[in-house]
Amino acid sequence: MLHRIWVSALSTRPRLETIRPCSGSAPALEEAQTVLGEMTAAVVVACILQRGAAIRSAGAYLRGLTRKAEAGEFSLGPISMSQINSRLNEKRRA
């Protein structure tokens, strides 16, 4: 799963342009790209979209993560681990 996210993120500009309408907020996505960088923003948005209904407002969630990054409090690690754990839990239930 995480491997696919990274592979998908390799061509970030076209990917981010494609998911911009799905992310819930174009300004939030643009700000995330500026603060986090295109690659990290692409990975974060992919993780947000993967969580689907668990996140009520993708734009607000992305803005919150962007604020954390501005304050130096953001790490991709917890988001990545969440994706890995979610996938492992799915496999255990299957």
Protein backbone atom coordinates (compact mmCIF):
# COMPACT_ATOMS: atom_id res chain seq x y z
CA MET A 1 0.00 0.00 0.00
CA LEU A 2 2.56 2.56 1.09
CA HIS A 3 4.78 1.51 -1.81
CA ARG A 4 1.93 2.30 -4.22
CA ILE A 5 1.50 5.74 -2.63
CA TRP A 6 5.17 6.54 -3.18
CA VAL A 7 5.10 5.23 -6.74
CA SER A 8 1.98 7.29 -7.46
CA ALA A 9 3.61 10.36 -5.95
CA LEU A 10 6.62 10.22 -8.25
CA SER A 11 4.82 12.33 -10.82
CA THR A 12 3.29 14.75 -8.37
CA ARG A 13 2.19 17.68 -10.48
CA PRO A 14 -0.12 15.71 -12.77
CA ARG A 15 -1.34 13.66 -9.81
CA LEU A 16 -2.09 16.70 -7.67
CA GLU A 17 -3.88 18.38 -10.55
CA THR A 18 -5.99 15.24 -10.96
CA ILE A 19 -6.91 14.96 -7.29
CA ARG A 20 -7.34 18.69 -6.67
CA PRO A 21 -11.15 18.50 -7.04
CA CYS A 22 -11.27 15.43 -4.77
CA SER A 23 -9.19 16.94 -2.00
CA GLY A 24 -11.98 19.24 -0.90
CA SER A 25 -10.06 22.50 -1.10
CA ALA A 26 -7.86 23.80 -3.88
CA PRO A 27 -6.38 26.61 -1.72
CA ALA A 28 -5.51 24.11 1.02
CA LEU A 29 -3.79 21.89 -1.53
CA GLU A 30 -1.82 24.78 -2.99
CA GLU A 31 -0.72 25.88 0.47
CA ALA A 32 0.29 22.32 1.37
CA GLN A 33 2.37 22.11 -1.81
CA THR A 34 4.14 25.34 -0.88
CA VAL A 35 4.79 24.43 2.76
CA LEU A 36 5.32 20.67 2.51
CA GLY A 37 6.69 20.46 -1.01
CA GLU A 38 4.97 18.75 -3.90
CA MET A 39 6.09 15.21 -3.10
CA THR A 40 5.11 15.28 0.56
CA ALA A 41 1.83 17.04 -0.24
CA ALA A 42 1.04 14.32 -2.78
CA VAL A 43 1.70 11.58 -0.23
CA VAL A 44 -0.36 13.35 2.43
CA VAL A 45 -3.30 13.85 0.07
CA ALA A 46 -3.10 10.22 -1.06
CA CYS A 47 -3.24 9.12 2.58
CA ILE A 48 -6.18 11.45 3.27
CA LEU A 49 -8.07 10.10 0.28
CA GLN A 50 -7.28 6.53 1.34
CA ARG A 51 -8.98 7.16 4.68
CA GLY A 52 -12.14 8.23 2.85
CA ALA A 53 -15.14 8.70 5.11
CA ALA A 54 -13.00 8.64 8.26
CA ILE A 55 -12.04 12.25 7.50
CA ARG A 56 -15.07 14.55 7.29
CA SER A 57 -13.28 17.48 5.68
CA ALA A 58 -10.18 16.67 3.65
CA GLY A 59 -9.44 20.37 3.14
CA ALA A 60 -9.61 21.18 6.86
CA TYR A 61 -7.49 18.14 7.72
CA LEU A 62 -4.91 19.15 5.12
CA ARG A 63 -4.87 22.73 6.42
CA GLY A 64 -4.29 21.41 9.96
CA LEU A 65 -1.35 19.32 8.81
CA THR A 66 0.03 22.29 6.89
CA ARG A 67 -0.15 24.45 10.04
CA LYS A 68 1.74 21.75 11.93
CA ALA A 69 4.40 21.76 9.20
CA GLU A 70 4.74 25.53 9.44
CA ALA A 71 5.31 25.17 13.19
CA GLY A 72 7.88 22.42 12.61
CA GLU A 73 5.59 19.82 14.20
CA PHE A 74 4.77 17.70 11.15
CA SER A 75 6.24 14.35 10.27
CA LEU A 76 5.17 12.00 7.52
CA GLY A 77 5.96 9.06 9.82
CA PRO A 78 2.69 8.94 11.79
CA ILE A 79 0.59 9.22 8.63
CA SER A 80 2.61 6.45 6.99
CA MET A 81 2.34 4.22 10.05
CA SER A 82 -1.41 4.82 10.19
CA GLN A 83 -1.71 3.59 6.61
CA ILE A 84 0.41 0.53 7.32
CA ASN A 85 -1.54 -0.33 10.49
CA SER A 86 -4.85 0.16 8.74
CA ARG A 87 -3.80 -2.22 5.98
CA LEU A 88 -2.57 -4.80 8.49
CA ASN A 89 -5.87 -4.60 10.39
CA GLU A 90 -7.78 -5.13 7.14
CA LYS A 91 -5.73 -8.22 6.38
CA ARG A 92 -6.31 -9.62 9.88
CA ARG A 93 -10.06 -9.19 9.52
CA ALA A 94 -10.11 -10.91 6.13
